[in-house]
Amino acid sequence: VHKKVPVLLHHGKPIAESLVILEYIEE
């Protein structure tokens, strides 16, 4: 979609956008 870093892969599932990733890590 955005073709930008960062992208977090967890169990092969991608999460994009840094603030979204931070929320995912927290949860």
mmCIF file of all heavy atoms, coordinates in Angstrom:
data_MODEL
# 
_entry.id   MODEL 
# 
loop_
_atom_site.group_PDB 
_atom_site.id 
_atom_site.type_symbol 
_atom_site.label_atom_id 
_atom_site.label_alt_id 
_atom_site.label_comp_id 
_atom_site.label_asym_id 
_atom_site.label_entity_id 
_atom_site.label_seq_id 
_atom_site.pdbx_PDB_ins_code 
_atom_site.Cartn_x 
_atom_site.Cartn_y 
_atom_site.Cartn_z 
_atom_site.occupancy 
_atom_site.B_iso_or_equiv 
_atom_site.pdbx_formal_charge 
_atom_site.auth_seq_id 
_atom_site.auth_comp_id 
_atom_site.auth_asym_id 
_atom_site.auth_atom_id 
_atom_site.pdbx_PDB_model_num 
ATOM 1   N N   . VAL A 1 1  ? 0.832  -1.205  0.000  1.00 0.00 ? 1  VAL A N   1 
ATOM 2   C CA  . VAL A 1 1  ? 0.000  0.000   0.000  1.00 0.00 ? 1  VAL A CA  1 
ATOM 3   C C   . VAL A 1 1  ? 0.868  1.258   0.000  1.00 0.00 ? 1  VAL A C   1 
ATOM 4   O O   . VAL A 1 1  ? 0.819  2.077   -0.912 1.00 0.00 ? 1  VAL A O   1 
ATOM 5   C CB  . VAL A 1 1  ? -0.959 0.010   1.202  1.00 0.00 ? 1  VAL A CB  1 
ATOM 6   C CG1 . VAL A 1 1  ? -1.766 1.313   1.234  1.00 0.00 ? 1  VAL A CG1 1 
ATOM 7   C CG2 . VAL A 1 1  ? -1.898 -1.183  1.132  1.00 0.00 ? 1  VAL A CG2 1 
ATOM 8   N N   . HIS A 1 2  ? 1.709  1.416   1.037  1.00 0.00 ? 2  HIS A N   1 
ATOM 9   C CA  . HIS A 1 2  ? 2.534  2.617   1.155  1.00 0.00 ? 2  HIS A CA  1 
ATOM 10  C C   . HIS A 1 2  ? 3.969  2.411   0.649  1.00 0.00 ? 2  HIS A C   1 
ATOM 11  O O   . HIS A 1 2  ? 4.666  3.385   0.371  1.00 0.00 ? 2  HIS A O   1 
ATOM 12  C CB  . HIS A 1 2  ? 2.573  3.097   2.605  1.00 0.00 ? 2  HIS A CB  1 
ATOM 13  C CG  . HIS A 1 2  ? 1.238  3.575   3.105  1.00 0.00 ? 2  HIS A CG  1 
ATOM 14  N ND1 . HIS A 1 2  ? 0.544  4.598   2.507  1.00 0.00 ? 2  HIS A ND1 1 
ATOM 15  C CD2 . HIS A 1 2  ? 0.469  3.158   4.140  1.00 0.00 ? 2  HIS A CD2 1 
ATOM 16  C CE1 . HIS A 1 2  ? -0.586 4.801   3.155  1.00 0.00 ? 2  HIS A CE1 1 
ATOM 17  N NE2 . HIS A 1 2  ? -0.669 3.943   4.150  1.00 0.00 ? 2  HIS A NE2 1 
ATOM 18  N N   . LYS A 1 3  ? 4.398  1.148   0.601  1.00 0.00 ? 3  LYS A N   1 
ATOM 19  C CA  . LYS A 1 3  ? 5.753  0.825   0.107  1.00 0.00 ? 3  LYS A CA  1 
ATOM 20  C C   . LYS A 1 3  ? 6.824  1.545   0.920  1.00 0.00 ? 3  LYS A C   1 
ATOM 21  O O   . LYS A 1 3  ? 7.817  2.025   0.390  1.00 0.00 ? 3  LYS A O   1 
ATOM 22  C CB  . LYS A 1 3  ? 5.886  1.186   -1.380 1.00 0.00 ? 3  LYS A CB  1 
ATOM 23  C CG  . LYS A 1 3  ? 4.836  0.536   -2.284 1.00 0.00 ? 3  LYS A CG  1 
ATOM 24  C CD  . LYS A 1 3  ? 4.989  1.008   -3.714 1.00 0.00 ? 3  LYS A CD  1 
ATOM 25  C CE  . LYS A 1 3  ? 4.001  0.329   -4.649 1.00 0.00 ? 3  LYS A CE  1 
ATOM 26  N NZ  . LYS A 1 3  ? 2.599  0.671   -4.352 1.00 0.00 ? 3  LYS A NZ  1 
ATOM 27  N N   . LYS A 1 4  ? 6.622  1.601   2.253  1.00 0.00 ? 4  LYS A N   1 
ATOM 28  C CA  . LYS A 1 4  ? 7.555  2.304   3.128  1.00 0.00 ? 4  LYS A CA  1 
ATOM 29  C C   . LYS A 1 4  ? 7.996  1.413   4.285  1.00 0.00 ? 4  LYS A C   1 
ATOM 30  O O   . LYS A 1 4  ? 7.302  0.476   4.654  1.00 0.00 ? 4  LYS A O   1 
ATOM 31  C CB  . LYS A 1 4  ? 6.898  3.572   3.699  1.00 0.00 ? 4  LYS A CB  1 
ATOM 32  C CG  . LYS A 1 4  ? 6.503  4.624   2.682  1.00 0.00 ? 4  LYS A CG  1 
ATOM 33  C CD  . LYS A 1 4  ? 6.070  5.913   3.356  1.00 0.00 ? 4  LYS A CD  1 
ATOM 34  C CE  . LYS A 1 4  ? 4.901  5.714   4.305  1.00 0.00 ? 4  LYS A CE  1 
ATOM 35  N NZ  . LYS A 1 4  ? 4.431  6.987   4.882  1.00 0.00 ? 4  LYS A NZ  1 
ATOM 36  N N   . VAL A 1 5  ? 9.149  1.750   4.844  1.00 0.00 ? 5  VAL A N   1 
ATOM 37  C CA  . VAL A 1 5  ? 9.601  1.153   6.103  1.00 0.00 ? 5  VAL A CA  1 
ATOM 38  C C   . VAL A 1 5  ? 9.134  2.072   7.229  1.00 0.00 ? 5  VAL A C   1 
ATOM 39  O O   . VAL A 1 5  ? 8.892  3.266   7.014  1.00 0.00 ? 5  VAL A O   1 
ATOM 40  C CB  . VAL A 1 5  ? 11.138 1.006   6.118  1.00 0.00 ? 5  VAL A CB  1 
ATOM 41  C CG1 . VAL A 1 5  ? 11.589 -0.035  5.124  1.00 0.00 ? 5  VAL A CG1 1 
ATOM 42  C CG2 . VAL A 1 5  ? 11.840 2.333   5.855  1.00 0.00 ? 5  VAL A CG2 1 
ATOM 43  N N   . PRO A 1 6  ? 8.985  1.502   8.445  1.00 0.00 ? 6  PRO A N   1 
ATOM 44  C CA  . PRO A 1 6  ? 9.254  0.131   8.862  1.00 0.00 ? 6  PRO A CA  1 
ATOM 45  C C   . PRO A 1 6  ? 8.078  -0.799  8.606  1.00 0.00 ? 6  PRO A C   1 
ATOM 46  O O   . PRO A 1 6  ? 6.926  -0.363  8.517  1.00 0.00 ? 6  PRO A O   1 
ATOM 47  C CB  . PRO A 1 6  ? 9.488  0.281   10.363 1.00 0.00 ? 6  PRO A CB  1 
ATOM 48  C CG  . PRO A 1 6  ? 8.576  1.421   10.753 1.00 0.00 ? 6  PRO A CG  1 
ATOM 49  C CD  . PRO A 1 6  ? 8.622  2.372   9.598  1.00 0.00 ? 6  PRO A CD  1 
ATOM 50  N N   . VAL A 1 7  ? 8.410  -2.098  8.529  1.00 0.00 ? 7  VAL A N   1 
ATOM 51  C CA  . VAL A 1 7  ? 7.398  -3.144  8.502  1.00 0.00 ? 7  VAL A CA  1 
ATOM 52  C C   . VAL A 1 7  ? 7.824  -4.204  9.513  1.00 0.00 ? 7  VAL A C   1 
ATOM 53  O O   . VAL A 1 7  ? 8.959  -4.691  9.456  1.00 0.00 ? 7  VAL A O   1 
ATOM 54  C CB  . VAL A 1 7  ? 7.257  -3.787  7.112  1.00 0.00 ? 7  VAL A CB  1 
ATOM 55  C CG1 . VAL A 1 7  ? 6.230  -4.917  7.160  1.00 0.00 ? 7  VAL A CG1 1 
ATOM 56  C CG2 . VAL A 1 7  ? 6.858  -2.756  6.066  1.00 0.00 ? 7  VAL A CG2 1 
ATOM 57  N N   . LEU A 1 8  ? 6.947  -4.527  10.439 1.00 0.00 ? 8  LEU A N   1 
ATOM 58  C CA  . LEU A 1 8  ? 7.214  -5.578  11.416 1.00 0.00 ? 8  LEU A CA  1 
ATOM 59  C C   . LEU A 1 8  ? 6.555  -6.858  10.938 1.00 0.00 ? 8  LEU A C   1 
ATOM 60  O O   . LEU A 1 8  ? 5.388  -6.852  10.543 1.00 0.00 ? 8  LEU A O   1 
ATOM 61  C CB  . LEU A 1 8  ? 6.652  -5.196  12.788 1.00 0.00 ? 8  LEU A CB  1 
ATOM 62  C CG  . LEU A 1 8  ? 6.979  -6.162  13.935 1.00 0.00 ? 8  LEU A CG  1 
ATOM 63  C CD1 . LEU A 1 8  ? 8.416  -5.988  14.385 1.00 0.00 ? 8  LEU A CD1 1 
ATOM 64  C CD2 . LEU A 1 8  ? 6.019  -5.954  15.110 1.00 0.00 ? 8  LEU A CD2 1 
ATOM 65  N N   . LEU A 1 9  ? 7.313  -7.952  10.942 1.00 0.00 ? 9  LEU A N   1 
ATOM 66  C CA  . LEU A 1 9  ? 6.764  -9.267  10.608 1.00 0.00 ? 9  LEU A CA  1 
ATOM 67  C C   . LEU A 1 9  ? 6.733  -10.109 11.878 1.00 0.00 ? 9  LEU A C   1 
ATOM 68  O O   . LEU A 1 9  ? 7.761  -10.319 12.523 1.00 0.00 ? 9  LEU A O   1 
ATOM 69  C CB  . LEU A 1 9  ? 7.634  -9.963  9.553  1.00 0.00 ? 9  LEU A CB  1 
ATOM 70  C CG  . LEU A 1 9  ? 7.744  -9.291  8.183  1.00 0.00 ? 9  LEU A CG  1 
ATOM 71  C CD1 . LEU A 1 9  ? 8.712  -10.059 7.294  1.00 0.00 ? 9  LEU A CD1 1 
ATOM 72  C CD2 . LEU A 1 9  ? 6.378  -9.196  7.527  1.00 0.00 ? 9  LEU A CD2 1 
ATOM 73  N N   . HIS A 1 10 ? 5.546  -10.587 12.244 1.00 0.00 ? 10 HIS A N   1 
ATOM 74  C CA  . HIS A 1 10 ? 5.394  -11.444 13.416 1.00 0.00 ? 10 HIS A CA  1 
ATOM 75  C C   . HIS A 1 10 ? 4.626  -12.687 12.985 1.00 0.00 ? 10 HIS A C   1 
ATOM 76  O O   . HIS A 1 10 ? 3.473  -12.566 12.538 1.00 0.00 ? 10 HIS A O   1 
ATOM 77  C CB  . HIS A 1 10 ? 4.656  -10.703 14.527 1.00 0.00 ? 10 HIS A CB  1 
ATOM 78  C CG  . HIS A 1 10 ? 4.611  -11.459 15.813 1.00 0.00 ? 10 HIS A CG  1 
ATOM 79  N ND1 . HIS A 1 10 ? 3.600  -11.311 16.731 1.00 0.00 ? 10 HIS A ND1 1 
ATOM 80  C CD2 . HIS A 1 10 ? 5.464  -12.388 16.344 1.00 0.00 ? 10 HIS A CD2 1 
ATOM 81  C CE1 . HIS A 1 10 ? 3.823  -12.097 17.757 1.00 0.00 ? 10 HIS A CE1 1 
ATOM 82  N NE2 . HIS A 1 10 ? 4.936  -12.766 17.549 1.00 0.00 ? 10 HIS A NE2 1 
ATOM 83  N N   . HIS A 1 11 ? 5.261  -13.835 13.091 1.00 0.00 ? 11 HIS A N   1 
ATOM 84  C CA  . HIS A 1 11 ? 4.672  -15.068 12.562 1.00 0.00 ? 11 HIS A CA  1 
ATOM 85  C C   . HIS A 1 11 ? 4.363  -14.922 11.066 1.00 0.00 ? 11 HIS A C   1 
ATOM 86  O O   . HIS A 1 11 ? 3.385  -15.488 10.576 1.00 0.00 ? 11 HIS A O   1 
ATOM 87  C CB  . HIS A 1 11 ? 3.393  -15.445 13.310 1.00 0.00 ? 11 HIS A CB  1 
ATOM 88  C CG  . HIS A 1 11 ? 3.603  -15.810 14.748 1.00 0.00 ? 11 HIS A CG  1 
ATOM 89  N ND1 . HIS A 1 11 ? 4.418  -16.850 15.148 1.00 0.00 ? 11 HIS A ND1 1 
ATOM 90  C CD2 . HIS A 1 11 ? 3.096  -15.268 15.875 1.00 0.00 ? 11 HIS A CD2 1 
ATOM 91  C CE1 . HIS A 1 11 ? 4.393  -16.934 16.472 1.00 0.00 ? 11 HIS A CE1 1 
ATOM 92  N NE2 . HIS A 1 11 ? 3.618  -15.979 16.928 1.00 0.00 ? 11 HIS A NE2 1 
ATOM 93  N N   . GLY A 1 12 ? 5.170  -14.127 10.362 1.00 0.00 ? 12 GLY A N   1 
ATOM 94  C CA  . GLY A 1 12 ? 4.972  -13.944 8.934  1.00 0.00 ? 12 GLY A CA  1 
ATOM 95  C C   . GLY A 1 12 ? 3.894  -12.947 8.569  1.00 0.00 ? 12 GLY A C   1 
ATOM 96  O O   . GLY A 1 12 ? 3.664  -12.679 7.392  1.00 0.00 ? 12 GLY A O   1 
ATOM 97  N N   . LYS A 1 13 ? 3.213  -12.374 9.582  1.00 0.00 ? 13 LYS A N   1 
ATOM 98  C CA  . LYS A 1 13 ? 2.157  -11.398 9.317  1.00 0.00 ? 13 LYS A CA  1 
ATOM 99  C C   . LYS A 1 13 ? 2.723  -9.983  9.419  1.00 0.00 ? 13 LYS A C   1 
ATOM 100 O O   . LYS A 1 13 ? 3.345  -9.640  10.424 1.00 0.00 ? 13 LYS A O   1 
ATOM 101 C CB  . LYS A 1 13 ? 1.010  -11.575 10.310 1.00 0.00 ? 13 LYS A CB  1 
ATOM 102 C CG  . LYS A 1 13 ? 0.311  -12.925 10.217 1.00 0.00 ? 13 LYS A CG  1 
ATOM 103 C CD  . LYS A 1 13 ? -0.783 -13.049 11.263 1.00 0.00 ? 13 LYS A CD  1 
ATOM 104 C CE  . LYS A 1 13 ? -1.487 -14.405 11.172 1.00 0.00 ? 13 LYS A CE  1 
ATOM 105 N NZ  . LYS A 1 13 ? -2.529 -14.559 12.214 1.00 0.00 ? 13 LYS A NZ  1 
ATOM 106 N N   . PRO A 1 14 ? 2.501  -9.144  8.395  1.00 0.00 ? 14 PRO A N   1 
ATOM 107 C CA  . PRO A 1 14 ? 3.097  -7.805  8.390  1.00 0.00 ? 14 PRO A CA  1 
ATOM 108 C C   . PRO A 1 14 ? 2.235  -6.756  9.096  1.00 0.00 ? 14 PRO A C   1 
ATOM 109 O O   . PRO A 1 14 ? 1.010  -6.770  9.016  1.00 0.00 ? 14 PRO A O   1 
ATOM 110 C CB  . PRO A 1 14 ? 3.196  -7.490  6.897  1.00 0.00 ? 14 PRO A CB  1 
ATOM 111 C CG  . PRO A 1 14 ? 2.044  -8.228  6.285  1.00 0.00 ? 14 PRO A CG  1 
ATOM 112 C CD  . PRO A 1 14 ? 1.856  -9.473  7.103  1.00 0.00 ? 14 PRO A CD  1 
ATOM 113 N N   . ILE A 1 15 ? 2.908  -5.837  9.780  1.00 0.00 ? 15 ILE A N   1 
ATOM 114 C CA  . ILE A 1 15 ? 2.269  -4.658  10.359 1.00 0.00 ? 15 ILE A CA  1 
ATOM 115 C C   . ILE A 1 15 ? 3.088  -3.459  9.898  1.00 0.00 ? 15 ILE A C   1 
ATOM 116 O O   . ILE A 1 15 ? 4.312  -3.428  10.058 1.00 0.00 ? 15 ILE A O   1 
ATOM 117 C CB  . ILE A 1 15 ? 2.225  -4.687  11.899 1.00 0.00 ? 15 ILE A CB  1 
ATOM 118 C CG1 . ILE A 1 15 ? 1.553  -5.970  12.404 1.00 0.00 ? 15 ILE A CG1 1 
ATOM 119 C CG2 . ILE A 1 15 ? 1.486  -3.475  12.450 1.00 0.00 ? 15 ILE A CG2 1 
ATOM 120 C CD1 . ILE A 1 15 ? 2.505  -7.045  12.810 1.00 0.00 ? 15 ILE A CD1 1 
ATOM 121 N N   . ALA A 1 16 ? 2.414  -2.463  9.312  1.00 0.00 ? 16 ALA A N   1 
ATOM 122 C CA  . ALA A 1 16 ? 3.096  -1.282  8.787  1.00 0.00 ? 16 ALA A CA  1 
ATOM 123 C C   . ALA A 1 16 ? 2.696  -0.033  9.572  1.00 0.00 ? 16 ALA A C   1 
ATOM 124 O O   . ALA A 1 16 ? 1.719  -0.044  10.336 1.00 0.00 ? 16 ALA A O   1 
ATOM 125 C CB  . ALA A 1 16 ? 2.765  -1.106  7.305  1.00 0.00 ? 16 ALA A CB  1 
ATOM 126 N N   . GLU A 1 17 ? 3.462  1.033   9.359  1.00 0.00 ? 17 GLU A N   1 
ATOM 127 C CA  . GLU A 1 17 ? 3.284  2.335   10.007 1.00 0.00 ? 17 GLU A CA  1 
ATOM 128 C C   . GLU A 1 17 ? 3.780  2.269   11.458 1.00 0.00 ? 17 GLU A C   1 
ATOM 129 O O   . GLU A 1 17 ? 3.276  1.483   12.260 1.00 0.00 ? 17 GLU A O   1 
ATOM 130 C CB  . GLU A 1 17 ? 1.840  2.821   9.954  1.00 0.00 ? 17 GLU A CB  1 
ATOM 131 C CG  . GLU A 1 17 ? 1.320  3.046   8.538  1.00 0.00 ? 17 GLU A CG  1 
ATOM 132 C CD  . GLU A 1 17 ? 2.080  4.124   7.791  1.00 0.00 ? 17 GLU A CD  1 
ATOM 133 O OE1 . GLU A 1 17 ? 2.197  5.255   8.306  1.00 0.00 ? 17 GLU A OE1 1 
ATOM 134 O OE2 . GLU A 1 17 ? 2.587  3.834   6.688  1.00 0.00 ? 17 GLU A OE2 1 
ATOM 135 N N   . SER A 1 18 ? 4.733  3.149   11.782 1.00 0.00 ? 18 SER A N   1 
ATOM 136 C CA  . SER A 1 18 ? 5.443  3.024   13.056 1.00 0.00 ? 18 SER A CA  1 
ATOM 137 C C   . SER A 1 18 ? 4.536  3.128   14.284 1.00 0.00 ? 18 SER A C   1 
ATOM 138 O O   . SER A 1 18 ? 4.699  2.359   15.240 1.00 0.00 ? 18 SER A O   1 
ATOM 139 C CB  . SER A 1 18 ? 6.563  4.067   13.144 1.00 0.00 ? 18 SER A CB  1 
ATOM 140 O OG  . SER A 1 18 ? 6.043  5.381   13.168 1.00 0.00 ? 18 SER A OG  1 
ATOM 141 N N   . LEU A 1 19 ? 3.578  4.049   14.301 1.00 0.00 ? 19 LEU A N   1 
ATOM 142 C CA  . LEU A 1 19 ? 2.707  4.159   15.472 1.00 0.00 ? 19 LEU A CA  1 
ATOM 143 C C   . LEU A 1 19 ? 1.816  2.936   15.636 1.00 0.00 ? 19 LEU A C   1 
ATOM 144 O O   . LEU A 1 19 ? 1.559  2.488   16.752 1.00 0.00 ? 19 LEU A O   1 
ATOM 145 C CB  . LEU A 1 19 ? 1.849  5.429   15.386 1.00 0.00 ? 19 LEU A CB  1 
ATOM 146 C CG  . LEU A 1 19 ? 2.576  6.760   15.528 1.00 0.00 ? 19 LEU A CG  1 
ATOM 147 C CD1 . LEU A 1 19 ? 1.584  7.918   15.490 1.00 0.00 ? 19 LEU A CD1 1 
ATOM 148 C CD2 . LEU A 1 19 ? 3.406  6.820   16.812 1.00 0.00 ? 19 LEU A CD2 1 
ATOM 149 N N   . VAL A 1 20 ? 1.359  2.403   14.517 1.00 0.00 ? 20 VAL A N   1 
ATOM 150 C CA  . VAL A 1 20 ? 0.559  1.174   14.561 1.00 0.00 ? 20 VAL A CA  1 
ATOM 151 C C   . VAL A 1 20 ? 1.410  0.018   15.088 1.00 0.00 ? 20 VAL A C   1 
ATOM 152 O O   . VAL A 1 20 ? 0.948  -0.793  15.903 1.00 0.00 ? 20 VAL A O   1 
ATOM 153 C CB  . VAL A 1 20 ? -0.003 0.839   13.165 1.00 0.00 ? 20 VAL A CB  1 
ATOM 154 C CG1 . VAL A 1 20 ? -0.769 -0.478  13.189 1.00 0.00 ? 20 VAL A CG1 1 
ATOM 155 C CG2 . VAL A 1 20 ? -0.904 1.958   12.657 1.00 0.00 ? 20 VAL A CG2 1 
ATOM 156 N N   . ILE A 1 21 ? 2.654  -0.038  14.639 1.00 0.00 ? 21 ILE A N   1 
ATOM 157 C CA  . ILE A 1 21 ? 3.565  -1.093  15.094 1.00 0.00 ? 21 ILE A CA  1 
ATOM 158 C C   . ILE A 1 21 ? 3.817  -0.972  16.600 1.00 0.00 ? 21 ILE A C   1 
ATOM 159 O O   . ILE A 1 21 ? 3.828  -1.976  17.330 1.00 0.00 ? 21 ILE A O   1 
ATOM 160 C CB  . ILE A 1 21 ? 4.894  -1.043  14.323 1.00 0.00 ? 21 ILE A CB  1 
ATOM 161 C CG1 . ILE A 1 21 ? 4.658  -1.354  12.836 1.00 0.00 ? 21 ILE A CG1 1 
ATOM 162 C CG2 . ILE A 1 21 ? 5.901  -2.029  14.904 1.00 0.00 ? 21 ILE A CG2 1 
ATOM 163 C CD1 . ILE A 1 21 ? 5.877  -1.130  11.960 1.00 0.00 ? 21 ILE A CD1 1 
ATOM 164 N N   . LEU A 1 22 ? 4.011  0.257   17.072 1.00 0.00 ? 22 LEU A N   1 
ATOM 165 C CA  . LEU A 1 22 ? 4.237  0.457   18.508 1.00 0.00 ? 22 LEU A CA  1 
ATOM 166 C C   . LEU A 1 22 ? 3.051  -0.036  19.324 1.00 0.00 ? 22 LEU A C   1 
ATOM 167 O O   . LEU A 1 22 ? 3.215  -0.661  20.378 1.00 0.00 ? 22 LEU A O   1 
ATOM 168 C CB  . LEU A 1 22 ? 4.505  1.932   18.805 1.00 0.00 ? 22 LEU A CB  1 
ATOM 169 C CG  . LEU A 1 22 ? 5.813  2.530   18.300 1.00 0.00 ? 22 LEU A CG  1 
ATOM 170 C CD1 . LEU A 1 22 ? 5.925  3.988   18.731 1.00 0.00 ? 22 LEU A CD1 1 
ATOM 171 C CD2 . LEU A 1 22 ? 7.019  1.740   18.777 1.00 0.00 ? 22 LEU A CD2 1 
ATOM 172 N N   . GLU A 1 23 ? 1.849  0.256   18.849 1.00 0.00 ? 23 GLU A N   1 
ATOM 173 C CA  . GLU A 1 23 ? 0.650  -0.214  19.545 1.00 0.00 ? 23 GLU A CA  1 
ATOM 174 C C   . GLU A 1 23 ? 0.589  -1.745  19.536 1.00 0.00 ? 23 GLU A C   1 
ATOM 175 O O   . GLU A 1 23 ? 0.220  -2.372  20.539 1.00 0.00 ? 23 GLU A O   1 
ATOM 176 C CB  . GLU A 1 23 ? -0.602 0.355   18.864 1.00 0.00 ? 23 GLU A CB  1 
ATOM 177 C CG  . GLU A 1 23 ? -0.749 1.862   18.998 1.00 0.00 ? 23 GLU A CG  1 
ATOM 178 C CD  . GLU A 1 23 ? -1.633 2.269   20.153 1.00 0.00 ? 23 GLU A CD  1 
ATOM 179 O OE1 . GLU A 1 23 ? -2.014 1.412   20.963 1.00 0.00 ? 23 GLU A OE1 1 
ATOM 180 O OE2 . GLU A 1 23 ? -1.946 3.475   20.238 1.00 0.00 ? 23 GLU A OE2 1 
ATOM 181 N N   . TYR A 1 24 ? 0.947  -2.341  18.415 1.00 0.00 ? 24 TYR A N   1 
ATOM 182 C CA  . TYR A 1 24 ? 0.938  -3.805  18.313 1.00 0.00 ? 24 TYR A CA  1 
ATOM 183 C C   . TYR A 1 24 ? 1.942  -4.419  19.288 1.00 0.00 ? 24 TYR A C   1 
ATOM 184 O O   . TYR A 1 24 ? 1.644  -5.404  19.971 1.00 0.00 ? 24 TYR A O   1 
ATOM 185 C CB  . TYR A 1 24 ? 1.272  -4.229  16.883 1.00 0.00 ? 24 TYR A CB  1 
ATOM 186 C CG  . TYR A 1 24 ? 1.301  -5.727  16.685 1.00 0.00 ? 24 TYR A CG  1 
ATOM 187 C CD1 . TYR A 1 24 ? 0.126  -6.441  16.442 1.00 0.00 ? 24 TYR A CD1 1 
ATOM 188 C CD2 . TYR A 1 24 ? 2.497  -6.443  16.760 1.00 0.00 ? 24 TYR A CD2 1 
ATOM 189 C CE1 . TYR A 1 24 ? 0.142  -7.818  16.286 1.00 0.00 ? 24 TYR A CE1 1 
ATOM 190 C CE2 . TYR A 1 24 ? 2.525  -7.819  16.596 1.00 0.00 ? 24 TYR A CE2 1 
ATOM 191 C CZ  . TYR A 1 24 ? 1.352  -8.500  16.354 1.00 0.00 ? 24 TYR A CZ  1 
ATOM 192 O OH  . TYR A 1 24 ? 1.370  -9.871  16.197 1.00 0.00 ? 24 TYR A OH  1 
ATOM 193 N N   . ILE A 1 25 ? 3.117  -3.845  19.352 1.00 0.00 ? 25 ILE A N   1 
ATOM 194 C CA  . ILE A 1 25 ? 4.145  -4.338  20.277 1.00 0.00 ? 25 ILE A CA  1 
ATOM 195 C C   . ILE A 1 25 ? 3.663  -4.233  21.718 1.00 0.00 ? 25 ILE A C   1 
ATOM 196 O O   . ILE A 1 25 ? 3.828  -5.156  22.526 1.00 0.00 ? 25 ILE A O   1 
ATOM 197 C CB  . ILE A 1 25 ? 5.460  -3.543  20.089 1.00 0.00 ? 25 ILE A CB  1 
ATOM 198 C CG1 . ILE A 1 25 ? 6.091  -3.881  18.731 1.00 0.00 ? 25 ILE A CG1 1 
ATOM 199 C CG2 . ILE A 1 25 ? 6.450  -3.834  21.214 1.00 0.00 ? 25 ILE A CG2 1 
ATOM 200 C CD1 . ILE A 1 25 ? 7.253  -2.990  18.355 1.00 0.00 ? 25 ILE A CD1 1 
ATOM 201 N N   . GLU A 1 26 ? 3.036  -3.108  22.039 1.00 0.00 ? 26 GLU A N   1 
ATOM 202 C CA  . GLU A 1 26 ? 2.522  -2.894  23.392 1.00 0.00 ? 26 GLU A CA  1 
ATOM 203 C C   . GLU A 1 26 ? 1.463  -3.926  23.761 1.00 0.00 ? 26 GLU A C   1 
ATOM 204 O O   . GLU A 1 26 ? 1.430  -4.435  24.882 1.00 0.00 ? 26 GLU A O   1 
ATOM 205 C CB  . GLU A 1 26 ? 1.952  -1.470  23.503 1.00 0.00 ? 26 GLU A CB  1 
ATOM 206 C CG  . GLU A 1 26 ? 1.258  -1.146  24.810 1.00 0.00 ? 26 GLU A CG  1 
ATOM 207 C CD  . GLU A 1 26 ? 2.212  -0.924  25.974 1.00 0.00 ? 26 GLU A CD  1 
ATOM 208 O OE1 . GLU A 1 26 ? 3.393  -1.334  25.891 1.00 0.00 ? 26 GLU A OE1 1 
ATOM 209 O OE2 . GLU A 1 26 ? 1.767  -0.366  26.986 1.00 0.00 ? 26 GLU A OE2 1 
ATOM 210 N N   . GLU A 1 27 ? 0.585  -4.243  22.822 1.00 0.00 ? 27 GLU A N   1 
ATOM 211 C CA  . GLU A 1 27 ? -0.506 -5.172  23.101 1.00 0.00 ? 27 GLU A CA  1 
ATOM 212 C C   . GLU A 1 27 ? -0.068 -6.635  23.075 1.00 0.00 ? 27 GLU A C   1 
ATOM 213 O O   . GLU A 1 27 ? -0.676 -7.477  23.730 1.00 0.00 ? 27 GLU A O   1 
ATOM 214 C CB  . GLU A 1 27 ? -1.634 -4.955  22.082 1.00 0.00 ? 27 GLU A CB  1 
ATOM 215 C CG  . GLU A 1 27 ? -2.328 -3.606  22.221 1.00 0.00 ? 27 GLU A CG  1 
ATOM 216 C CD  . GLU A 1 27 ? -3.312 -3.343  21.109 1.00 0.00 ? 27 GLU A CD  1 
ATOM 217 O OE1 . GLU A 1 27 ? -3.536 -4.244  20.272 1.00 0.00 ? 27 GLU A OE1 1 
ATOM 218 O OE2 . GLU A 1 27 ? -3.861 -2.225  21.052 1.00 0.00 ? 27 GLU A OE2 1 
# 
